[in-house]
Amino acid sequence: MNLRYCLVVTAIASCAALGSAASGAAVVVDVQVAPPPPRVVAVPAPRAGYVWAPGYWRWNGARYVWVDGRWVHARSGWRWVPDGWVAVGPRWHYVPGHWER
């Protein structure tokens, strides 16, 4: 094996390792501007085996944009906690939707 080949293989392996580590990392979003009030949207009729995750305001780096609600697969013994924003001092902290026992 030549040195160049070894360097290329090492670089590819390093990038793959970093990519997989980054994909599991939590994204922290704190904003100084309060989100608008939630939109009033009619919830669709229930679907067996699914839970309705309501829409929420997402920060795109410059302003809030609305994300429509969606169906998520139900998990027995768990409840869905919707995406939302929590006031933390003068800032607003985004809390992603998640399952809770």
PDB file of N, CA and C in Angstrom:
ATOM      1  N   MET A   1       0.843  -1.186   0.000  1.00  0.00           N
ATOM      2  CA  MET A   1       0.000   0.000   0.000  1.00  0.00           C
ATOM      3  C   MET A   1       0.881   1.239   0.000  1.00  0.00           C
ATOM      4  N   ASN A   2       0.487   2.223  -0.764  1.00  0.00           N
ATOM      5  CA  ASN A   2       1.268   3.448  -0.742  1.00  0.00           C
ATOM      6  C   ASN A   2       0.698   4.420   0.287  1.00  0.00           C
ATOM      7  N   LEU A   3       1.453   5.421   0.595  1.00  0.00           N
ATOM      8  CA  LEU A   3       1.095   6.396   1.622  1.00  0.00           C
ATOM      9  C   LEU A   3      -0.166   7.168   1.241  1.00  0.00           C
ATOM     10  N   ARG A   4      -0.287   7.542  -0.019  1.00  0.00           N
ATOM     11  CA  ARG A   4      -1.448   8.316  -0.471  1.00  0.00           C
ATOM     12  C   ARG A   4      -2.737   7.510  -0.239  1.00  0.00           C
ATOM     13  N   TYR A   5      -2.726   6.230  -0.592  1.00  0.00           N
ATOM     14  CA  TYR A   5      -3.888   5.364  -0.406  1.00  0.00           C
ATOM     15  C   TYR A   5      -4.266   5.306   1.074  1.00  0.00           C
ATOM     16  N   CYS A   6      -3.295   5.120   1.932  1.00  0.00           N
ATOM     17  CA  CYS A   6      -3.553   5.050   3.379  1.00  0.00           C
ATOM     18  C   CYS A   6      -4.158   6.354   3.895  1.00  0.00           C
ATOM     19  N   LEU A   7      -3.670   7.491   3.409  1.00  0.00           N
ATOM     20  CA  LEU A   7      -4.205   8.782   3.839  1.00  0.00           C
ATOM     21  C   LEU A   7      -5.652   8.963   3.385  1.00  0.00           C
ATOM     22  N   VAL A   8      -5.953   8.555   2.165  1.00  0.00           N
ATOM     23  CA  VAL A   8      -7.321   8.678   1.656  1.00  0.00           C
ATOM     24  C   VAL A   8      -8.271   7.797   2.459  1.00  0.00           C
ATOM     25  N   VAL A   9      -7.886   6.552   2.717  1.00  0.00           N
ATOM     26  CA  VAL A   9      -8.726   5.638   3.492  1.00  0.00           C
ATOM     27  C   VAL A   9      -8.939   6.175   4.899  1.00  0.00           C
ATOM     28  N   THR A  10      -7.899   6.701   5.515  1.00  0.00           N
ATOM     29  CA  THR A  10      -8.005   7.274   6.857  1.00  0.00           C
ATOM     30  C   THR A  10      -8.937   8.476   6.860  1.00  0.00           C
ATOM     31  N   ALA A  11      -8.827   9.332   5.861  1.00  0.00           N
ATOM     32  CA  ALA A  11      -9.694  10.515   5.777  1.00  0.00           C
ATOM     33  C   ALA A  11     -11.155  10.110   5.623  1.00  0.00           C
ATOM     34  N   ILE A  12     -11.432   9.127   4.783  1.00  0.00           N
ATOM     35  CA  ILE A  12     -12.805   8.671   4.580  1.00  0.00           C
ATOM     36  C   ILE A  12     -13.358   8.068   5.868  1.00  0.00           C
ATOM     37  N   ALA A  13     -12.578   7.259   6.549  1.00  0.00           N
ATOM     38  CA  ALA A  13     -13.023   6.652   7.808  1.00  0.00           C
ATOM     39  C   ALA A  13     -13.294   7.719   8.867  1.00  0.00           C
ATOM     40  N   SER A  14     -12.439   8.731   8.927  1.00  0.00           N
ATOM     41  CA  SER A  14     -12.622   9.813   9.898  1.00  0.00           C
ATOM     42  C   SER A  14     -13.903  10.583   9.624  1.00  0.00           C
ATOM     43  N   CYS A  15     -14.167  10.892   8.356  1.00  0.00           N
ATOM     44  CA  CYS A  15     -15.387  11.616   7.999  1.00  0.00           C
ATOM     45  C   CYS A  15     -16.625  10.793   8.335  1.00  0.00           C
ATOM     46  N   ALA A  16     -16.575   9.510   8.067  1.00  0.00           N
ATOM     47  CA  ALA A  16     -17.715   8.638   8.374  1.00  0.00           C
ATOM     48  C   ALA A  16     -17.968   8.604   9.872  1.00  0.00           C
ATOM     49  N   ALA A  17     -16.910   8.527  10.654  1.00  0.00           N
ATOM     50  CA  ALA A  17     -17.064   8.494  12.119  1.00  0.00           C
ATOM     51  C   ALA A  17     -17.637   9.807  12.623  1.00  0.00           C
ATOM     52  N   LEU A  18     -17.168  10.920  12.111  1.00  0.00           N
ATOM     53  CA  LEU A  18     -17.680  12.228  12.530  1.00  0.00           C
ATOM     54  C   LEU A  18     -19.127  12.399  12.118  1.00  0.00           C
ATOM     55  N   GLY A  19     -19.460  11.964  10.921  1.00  0.00           N
ATOM     56  CA  GLY A  19     -20.836  12.083  10.437  1.00  0.00           C
ATOM     57  C   GLY A  19     -21.809  11.305  11.286  1.00  0.00           C
ATOM     58  N   SER A  20     -21.456  10.085  11.665  1.00  0.00           N
ATOM     59  CA  SER A  20     -22.365   9.283  12.474  1.00  0.00           C
ATOM     60  C   SER A  20     -22.476   9.842  13.889  1.00  0.00           C
ATOM     61  N   ALA A  21     -21.408  10.397  14.424  1.00  0.00           N
ATOM     62  CA  ALA A  21     -21.461  11.003  15.754  1.00  0.00           C
ATOM     63  C   ALA A  21     -22.310  12.262  15.728  1.00  0.00           C
ATOM     64  N   ALA A  22     -22.187  13.048  14.680  1.00  0.00           N
ATOM     65  CA  ALA A  22     -22.938  14.300  14.586  1.00  0.00           C
ATOM     66  C   ALA A  22     -24.427  14.046  14.390  1.00  0.00           C
ATOM     67  N   SER A  23     -24.790  12.963  13.708  1.00  0.00           N
ATOM     68  CA  SER A  23     -26.200  12.711  13.448  1.00  0.00           C
ATOM     69  C   SER A  23     -26.969  12.425  14.734  1.00  0.00           C
ATOM     70  N   GLY A  24     -26.317  11.940  15.774  1.00  0.00           N
ATOM     71  CA  GLY A  24     -26.980  11.676  17.038  1.00  0.00           C
ATOM     72  C   GLY A  24     -26.932  12.854  17.998  1.00  0.00           C
ATOM     73  N   ALA A  25     -26.262  13.918  17.597  1.00  0.00           N
ATOM     74  CA  ALA A  25     -26.113  15.080  18.465  1.00  0.00           C
ATOM     75  C   ALA A  25     -27.401  15.886  18.509  1.00  0.00           C
ATOM     76  N   ALA A  26     -27.731  16.416  19.679  1.00  0.00           N
ATOM     77  CA  ALA A  26     -28.903  17.263  19.828  1.00  0.00           C
ATOM     78  C   ALA A  26     -28.587  18.662  19.314  1.00  0.00           C
ATOM     79  N   VAL A  27     -29.565  19.280  18.691  1.00  0.00           N
ATOM     80  CA  VAL A  27     -29.411  20.641  18.204  1.00  0.00           C
ATOM     81  C   VAL A  27     -30.069  21.560  19.211  1.00  0.00           C
ATOM     82  N   VAL A  28     -29.337  22.550  19.687  1.00  0.00           N
ATOM     83  CA  VAL A  28     -29.859  23.504  20.654  1.00  0.00           C
ATOM     84  C   VAL A  28     -30.226  24.785  19.917  1.00  0.00           C
ATOM     85  N   VAL A  29     -31.479  25.223  20.091  1.00  0.00           N
ATOM     86  CA  VAL A  29     -31.930  26.448  19.454  1.00  0.00           C
ATOM     87  C   VAL A  29     -32.452  27.382  20.540  1.00  0.00           C
ATOM     88  N   ASP A  30     -31.799  28.518  20.695  1.00  0.00           N
ATOM     89  CA  ASP A  30     -32.242  29.570  21.602  1.00  0.00           C
ATOM     90  C   ASP A  30     -32.398  30.846  20.792  1.00  0.00           C
ATOM     91  N   VAL A  31     -33.523  31.540  20.984  1.00  0.00           N
ATOM     92  CA  VAL A  31     -33.862  32.713  20.191  1.00  0.00           C
ATOM     93  C   VAL A  31     -34.269  33.838  21.132  1.00  0.00           C
ATOM     94  N   GLN A  32     -33.974  35.074  20.752  1.00  0.00           N
ATOM     95  CA  GLN A  32     -34.339  36.223  21.581  1.00  0.00           C
ATOM     96  C   GLN A  32     -35.754  36.717  21.308  1.00  0.00           C
ATOM     97  N   VAL A  33     -36.359  36.258  20.220  1.00  0.00           N
ATOM     98  CA  VAL A  33     -37.696  36.705  19.820  1.00  0.00           C
ATOM     99  C   VAL A  33     -38.718  35.637  20.190  1.00  0.00           C
ATOM    100  N   ALA A  34     -39.776  36.041  20.878  1.00  0.00           N
ATOM    101  CA  ALA A  34     -40.818  35.082  21.258  1.00  0.00           C
ATOM    102  C   ALA A  34     -41.519  34.535  20.017  1.00  0.00           C
ATOM    103  N   PRO A  35     -41.911  33.255  20.038  1.00  0.00           N
ATOM    104  CA  PRO A  35     -42.635  32.703  18.887  1.00  0.00           C
ATOM    105  C   PRO A  35     -44.042  33.292  18.815  1.00  0.00           C
ATOM    106  N   PRO A  36     -44.620  33.332  17.608  1.00  0.00           N
ATOM    107  CA  PRO A  36     -46.019  33.760  17.489  1.00  0.00           C
ATOM    108  C   PRO A  36     -46.924  32.763  18.197  1.00  0.00           C
ATOM    109  N   PRO A  37     -48.169  33.147  18.453  1.00  0.00           N
ATOM    110  CA  PRO A  37     -49.089  32.170  19.066  1.00  0.00           C
ATOM    111  C   PRO A  37     -49.306  30.988  18.120  1.00  0.00           C
ATOM    112  N   PRO A  38     -49.571  29.806  18.676  1.00  0.00           N
ATOM    113  CA  PRO A  38     -49.819  28.645  17.806  1.00  0.00           C
ATOM    114  C   PRO A  38     -51.009  28.915  16.883  1.00  0.00           C
ATOM    115  N   ARG A  39     -50.957  28.362  15.701  1.00  0.00           N
ATOM    116  CA  ARG A  39     -52.092  28.470  14.775  1.00  0.00           C
ATOM    117  C   ARG A  39     -53.213  27.559  15.244  1.00  0.00           C
ATOM    118  N   VAL A  40     -54.430  27.989  14.992  1.00  0.00           N
ATOM    119  CA  VAL A  40     -55.589  27.155  15.299  1.00  0.00           C
ATOM    120  C   VAL A  40     -55.872  26.340  14.046  1.00  0.00           C
ATOM    121  N   VAL A  41     -55.685  25.038  14.157  1.00  0.00           N
ATOM    122  CA  VAL A  41     -55.842  24.131  13.024  1.00  0.00           C
ATOM    123  C   VAL A  41     -56.751  22.993  13.440  1.00  0.00           C
ATOM    124  N   ALA A  42     -57.668  22.627  12.565  1.00  0.00           N
ATOM    125  CA  ALA A  42     -58.553  21.493  12.856  1.00  0.00           C
ATOM    126  C   ALA A  42     -57.734  20.208  12.846  1.00  0.00           C
ATOM    127  N   VAL A  43     -57.867  19.444  13.915  1.00  0.00           N
ATOM    128  CA  VAL A  43     -57.152  18.167  14.010  1.00  0.00           C
ATOM    129  C   VAL A  43     -57.908  17.136  13.174  1.00  0.00           C
ATOM    130  N   PRO A  44     -57.202  16.414  12.316  1.00  0.00           N
ATOM    131  CA  PRO A  44     -57.881  15.394  11.501  1.00  0.00           C
ATOM    132  C   PRO A  44     -58.499  14.299  12.370  1.00  0.00           C
ATOM    133  N   ALA A  45     -59.408  13.548  11.781  1.00  0.00           N
ATOM    134  CA  ALA A  45     -60.044  12.429  12.486  1.00  0.00           C
ATOM    135  C   ALA A  45     -58.973  11.444  12.947  1.00  0.00           C
ATOM    136  N   PRO A  46     -59.179  10.809  14.111  1.00  0.00           N
ATOM    137  CA  PRO A  46     -58.179   9.860  14.639  1.00  0.00           C
ATOM    138  C   PRO A  46     -57.865   8.742  13.651  1.00  0.00           C
ATOM    139  N   ARG A  47     -56.624   8.273  13.725  1.00  0.00           N
ATOM    140  CA  ARG A  47     -56.175   7.127  12.919  1.00  0.00           C
ATOM    141  C   ARG A  47     -55.687   6.053  13.868  1.00  0.00           C
ATOM    142  N   ALA A  48     -56.138   4.844  13.674  1.00  0.00           N
ATOM    143  CA  ALA A  48     -55.724   3.733  14.533  1.00  0.00           C
ATOM    144  C   ALA A  48     -54.218   3.539  14.461  1.00  0.00           C
ATOM    145  N   GLY A  49     -53.590   3.449  15.642  1.00  0.00           N
ATOM    146  CA  GLY A  49     -52.155   3.196  15.701  1.00  0.00           C
ATOM    147  C   GLY A  49     -51.296   4.440  15.557  1.00  0.00           C
ATOM    148  N   TYR A  50     -51.909   5.616  15.518  1.00  0.00           N
ATOM    149  CA  TYR A  50     -51.159   6.866  15.355  1.00  0.00           C
ATOM    150  C   TYR A  50     -51.594   7.893  16.380  1.00  0.00           C
ATOM    151  N   VAL A  51     -50.715   8.855  16.628  1.00  0.00           N
ATOM    152  CA  VAL A  51     -50.980   9.978  17.517  1.00  0.00           C
ATOM    153  C   VAL A  51     -50.739  11.248  16.704  1.00  0.00           C
ATOM    154  N   TRP A  52     -51.592  12.245  16.887  1.00  0.00           N
ATOM    155  CA  TRP A  52     -51.432  13.506  16.175  1.00  0.00           C
ATOM    156  C   TRP A  52     -50.386  14.366  16.879  1.00  0.00           C
ATOM    157  N   ALA A  53     -49.346  14.752  16.144  1.00  0.00           N
ATOM    158  CA  ALA A  53     -48.322  15.682  16.649  1.00  0.00           C
ATOM    159  C   ALA A  53     -48.679  17.046  16.062  1.00  0.00           C
ATOM    160  N   PRO A  54     -49.142  17.986  16.896  1.00  0.00           N
ATOM    161  CA  PRO A  54     -49.599  19.268  16.357  1.00  0.00           C
ATOM    162  C   PRO A  54     -48.466  20.074  15.728  1.00  0.00           C
ATOM    163  N   GLY A  55     -48.857  21.022  14.886  1.00  0.00           N
ATOM    164  CA  GLY A  55     -47.888  21.901  14.257  1.00  0.00           C
ATOM    165  C   GLY A  55     -47.208  22.803  15.278  1.00  0.00           C
ATOM    166  N   TYR A  56     -46.121  23.433  14.866  1.00  0.00           N
ATOM    167  CA  TYR A  56     -45.361  24.295  15.767  1.00  0.00           C
ATOM    168  C   TYR A  56     -44.569  25.313  14.944  1.00  0.00           C
ATOM    169  N   TRP A  57     -44.063  26.331  15.603  1.00  0.00           N
ATOM    170  CA  TRP A  57     -43.222  27.335  14.964  1.00  0.00           C
ATOM    171  C   TRP A  57     -41.767  26.891  15.040  1.00  0.00           C
ATOM    172  N   ARG A  58     -41.091  26.865  13.895  1.00  0.00           N
ATOM    173  CA  ARG A  58     -39.665  26.508  13.818  1.00  0.00           C
ATOM    174  C   ARG A  58     -38.880  27.772  13.485  1.00  0.00           C
ATOM    175  N   TRP A  59     -37.733  27.935  14.104  1.00  0.00           N
ATOM    176  CA  TRP A  59     -36.844  29.060  13.824  1.00  0.00           C
ATOM    177  C   TRP A  59     -35.916  28.662  12.689  1.00  0.00           C
ATOM    178  N   ASN A  60     -35.889  29.458  11.600  1.00  0.00           N
ATOM    179  CA  ASN A  60     -35.046  29.106  10.456  1.00  0.00           C
ATOM    180  C   ASN A  60     -33.733  29.885  10.423  1.00  0.00           C
ATOM    181  N   GLY A  61     -33.417  30.557  11.510  1.00  0.00           N
ATOM    182  CA  GLY A  61     -32.185  31.331  11.580  1.00  0.00           C
ATOM    183  C   GLY A  61     -32.425  32.818  11.405  1.00  0.00           C
ATOM    184  N   ALA A  62     -33.594  33.179  10.848  1.00  0.00           N
ATOM    185  CA  ALA A  62     -33.922  34.586  10.631  1.00  0.00           C
ATOM    186  C   ALA A  62     -35.331  34.923  11.117  1.00  0.00           C
ATOM    187  N   ARG A  63     -36.226  33.933  11.071  1.00  0.00           N
ATOM    188  CA  ARG A  63     -37.617  34.157  11.479  1.00  0.00           C
ATOM    189  C   ARG A  63     -38.286  32.826  11.773  1.00  0.00           C
ATOM    190  N   TYR A  64     -39.479  32.910  12.337  1.00  0.00           N
ATOM    191  CA  TYR A  64     -40.260  31.703  12.599  1.00  0.00           C
ATOM    192  C   TYR A  64     -41.024  31.298  11.349  1.00  0.00           C
ATOM    193  N   VAL A  65     -41.086  29.997  11.099  1.00  0.00           N
ATOM    194  CA  VAL A  65     -41.901  29.443  10.017  1.00  0.00           C
ATOM    195  C   VAL A  65     -42.756  28.323  10.602  1.00  0.00           C
ATOM    196  N   TRP A  66     -43.977  28.211  10.106  1.00  0.00           N
ATOM    197  CA  TRP A  66     -44.904  27.212  10.620  1.00  0.00           C
ATOM    198  C   TRP A  66     -44.604  25.842  10.031  1.00  0.00           C
ATOM    199  N   VAL A  67     -44.616  24.825  10.896  1.00  0.00           N
ATOM    200  CA  VAL A  67     -44.465  23.429  10.483  1.00  0.00           C
ATOM    201  C   VAL A  67     -45.809  22.755  10.760  1.00  0.00           C
ATOM    202  N   ASP A  68     -46.418  22.207   9.728  1.00  0.00           N
ATOM    203  CA  ASP A  68     -47.726  21.566   9.886  1.00  0.00           C
ATOM    204  C   ASP A  68     -47.653  20.343  10.798  1.00  0.00           C
ATOM    205  N   GLY A  69     -48.780  20.020  11.420  1.00  0.00           N
ATOM    206  CA  GLY A  69     -48.886  18.831  12.253  1.00  0.00           C
ATOM    207  C   GLY A  69     -48.738  17.576  11.410  1.00  0.00           C
ATOM    208  N   ARG A  70     -48.549  16.448  12.085  1.00  0.00           N
ATOM    209  CA  ARG A  70     -48.324  15.195  11.379  1.00  0.00           C
ATOM    210  C   ARG A  70     -48.732  14.030  12.272  1.00  0.00           C
ATOM    211  N   TRP A  71     -48.936  12.889  11.656  1.00  0.00           N
ATOM    212  CA  TRP A  71     -49.224  11.669  12.397  1.00  0.00           C
ATOM    213  C   TRP A  71     -47.917  10.966  12.720  1.00  0.00           C
ATOM    214  N   VAL A  72     -47.787  10.482  13.955  1.00  0.00           N
ATOM    215  CA  VAL A  72     -46.620   9.682  14.341  1.00  0.00           C
ATOM    216  C   VAL A  72     -47.137   8.342  14.881  1.00  0.00           C
ATOM    217  N   HIS A  73     -46.368   7.280  14.649  1.00  0.00           N
ATOM    218  CA  HIS A  73     -46.770   5.958  15.137  1.00  0.00           C
ATOM    219  C   HIS A  73     -46.888   5.975  16.657  1.00  0.00           C
ATOM    220  N   ALA A  74     -48.001   5.468  17.157  1.00  0.00           N
ATOM    221  CA  ALA A  74     -48.216   5.407  18.605  1.00  0.00           C
ATOM    222  C   ALA A  74     -47.245   4.407  19.224  1.00  0.00           C
ATOM    223  N   ARG A  75     -46.893   4.674  20.470  1.00  0.00           N
ATOM    224  CA  ARG A  75     -46.032   3.762  21.233  1.00  0.00           C
ATOM    225  C   ARG A  75     -46.771   3.402  22.511  1.00  0.00           C
ATOM    226  N   SER A  76     -47.044   2.137  22.677  1.00  0.00           N
ATOM    227  CA  SER A  76     -47.788   1.664  23.841  1.00  0.00           C
ATOM    228  C   SER A  76     -47.073   2.056  25.133  1.00  0.00           C
ATOM    229  N   GLY A  77     -47.813   2.660  26.073  1.00  0.00           N
ATOM    230  CA  GLY A  77     -47.249   3.058  27.357  1.00  0.00           C
ATOM    231  C   GLY A  77     -46.527   4.403  27.326  1.00  0.00           C
ATOM    232  N   TRP A  78     -46.529   5.067  26.176  1.00  0.00           N
ATOM    233  CA  TRP A  78     -45.857   6.362  26.038  1.00  0.00           C
ATOM    234  C   TRP A  78     -46.862   7.414  25.595  1.00  0.00           C
ATOM    235  N   ARG A  79     -46.564   8.686  25.866  1.00  0.00           N
ATOM    236  CA  ARG A  79     -47.389   9.776  25.354  1.00  0.00           C
ATOM    237  C   ARG A  79     -46.496  10.740  24.587  1.00  0.00           C
ATOM    238  N   TRP A  80     -47.044  11.355  23.556  1.00  0.00           N
ATOM    239  CA  TRP A  80     -46.304  12.287  22.722  1.00  0.00           C
ATOM    240  C   TRP A  80     -46.320  13.669  23.371  1.00  0.00           C
ATOM    241  N   VAL A  81     -45.140  14.274  23.554  1.00  0.00           N
ATOM    242  CA  VAL A  81     -45.007  15.645  24.042  1.00  0.00           C
ATOM    243  C   VAL A  81     -44.685  16.492  22.815  1.00  0.00           C
ATOM    244  N   PRO A  82     -45.565  17.438  22.455  1.00  0.00           N
ATOM    245  CA  PRO A  82     -45.375  18.202  21.223  1.00  0.00           C
ATOM    246  C   PRO A  82     -44.149  19.119  21.249  1.00  0.00           C
ATOM    247  N   ASP A  83     -43.662  19.444  20.045  1.00  0.00           N
ATOM    248  CA  ASP A  83     -42.602  20.438  19.905  1.00  0.00           C
ATOM    249  C   ASP A  83     -43.104  21.744  20.502  1.00  0.00           C
ATOM    250  N   GLY A  84     -42.212  22.533  21.068  1.00  0.00           N
ATOM    251  CA  GLY A  84     -42.641  23.805  21.639  1.00  0.00           C
ATOM    252  C   GLY A  84     -41.468  24.669  22.057  1.00  0.00           C
ATOM    253  N   TRP A  85     -41.800  25.809  22.601  1.00  0.00           N
ATOM    254  CA  TRP A  85     -40.814  26.803  23.040  1.00  0.00           C
ATOM    255  C   TRP A  85     -41.019  27.100  24.512  1.00  0.00           C
ATOM    256  N   VAL A  86     -39.923  27.237  25.255  1.00  0.00           N
ATOM    257  CA  VAL A  86     -39.960  27.525  26.682  1.00  0.00           C
ATOM    258  C   VAL A  86     -39.154  28.796  26.929  1.00  0.00           C
ATOM    259  N   ALA A  87     -39.741  29.723  27.687  1.00  0.00           N
ATOM    260  CA  ALA A  87     -39.021  30.947  28.032  1.00  0.00           C
ATOM    261  C   ALA A  87     -37.949  30.610  29.067  1.00  0.00           C
ATOM    262  N   VAL A  88     -36.710  30.990  28.767  1.00  0.00           N
ATOM    263  CA  VAL A  88     -35.587  30.794  29.681  1.00  0.00           C
ATOM    264  C   VAL A  88     -34.920  32.161  29.824  1.00  0.00           C
ATOM    265  N   GLY A  89     -35.303  32.872  30.881  1.00  0.00           N
ATOM    266  CA  GLY A  89     -34.812  34.248  31.028  1.00  0.00           C
ATOM    267  C   GLY A  89     -35.346  35.082  29.862  1.00  0.00           C
ATOM    268  N   PRO A  90     -34.468  35.858  29.229  1.00  0.00           N
ATOM    269  CA  PRO A  90     -34.918  36.700  28.108  1.00  0.00           C
ATOM    270  C   PRO A  90     -34.963  35.955  26.765  1.00  0.00           C
ATOM    271  N   ARG A  91     -34.623  34.685  26.760  1.00  0.00           N
ATOM    272  CA  ARG A  91     -34.537  33.927  25.509  1.00  0.00           C
ATOM    273  C   ARG A  91     -35.628  32.863  25.452  1.00  0.00           C
ATOM    274  N   TRP A  92     -35.828  32.323  24.260  1.00  0.00           N
ATOM    275  CA  TRP A  92     -36.775  31.233  24.044  1.00  0.00           C
ATOM    276  C   TRP A  92     -36.008  30.013  23.588  1.00  0.00           C
ATOM    277  N   HIS A  93     -36.250  28.879  24.266  1.00  0.00           N
ATOM    278  CA  HIS A  93     -35.523  27.637  23.998  1.00  0.00           C
ATOM    279  C   HIS A  93     -36.472  26.646  23.330  1.00  0.00           C
ATOM    280  N   TYR A  94     -36.039  26.083  22.194  1.00  0.00           N
ATOM    281  CA  TYR A  94     -36.845  25.100  21.463  1.00  0.00           C
ATOM    282  C   TYR A  94     -36.691  23.723  22.099  1.00  0.00           C
ATOM    283  N   VAL A  95     -37.831  23.071  22.347  1.00  0.00           N
ATOM    284  CA  VAL A  95     -37.843  21.706  22.875  1.00  0.00           C
ATOM    285  C   VAL A  95     -38.497  20.821  21.813  1.00  0.00           C
ATOM    286  N   PRO A  96     -37.719  19.918  21.192  1.00  0.00           N
ATOM    287  CA  PRO A  96     -38.290  19.054  20.148  1.00  0.00           C
ATOM    288  C   PRO A  96     -39.365  18.130  20.697  1.00  0.00           C
ATOM    289  N   GLY A  97     -40.310  17.753  19.838  1.00  0.00           N
ATOM    290  CA  GLY A  97     -41.317  16.776  20.221  1.00  0.00           C
ATOM    291  C   GLY A  97     -40.638  15.458  20.581  1.00  0.00           C
ATOM    292  N   HIS A  98     -41.193  14.773  21.561  1.00  0.00           N
ATOM    293  CA  HIS A  98     -40.558  13.525  22.014  1.00  0.00           C
ATOM    294  C   HIS A  98     -41.569  12.650  22.743  1.00  0.00           C
ATOM    295  N   TRP A  99     -41.213  11.403  22.922  1.00  0.00           N
ATOM    296  CA  TRP A  99     -42.033  10.453  23.660  1.00  0.00           C
ATOM    297  C   TRP A  99     -41.645  10.478  25.128  1.00  0.00           C
ATOM    298  N   GLU A 100     -42.681  10.323  25.992  1.00  0.00           N
ATOM    299  CA  GLU A 100     -42.445  10.332  27.444  1.00  0.00           C
ATOM    300  C   GLU A 100     -43.312   9.250  28.061  1.00  0.00           C
ATOM    301  N   ARG A 101     -42.767   8.545  29.045  1.00  0.00           N
ATOM    302  CA  ARG A 101     -43.545   7.491  29.738  1.00  0.00           C
ATOM    303  C   ARG A 101     -44.497   8.111  30.733  1.00  0.00           C
TER     304      ARG A 101
END
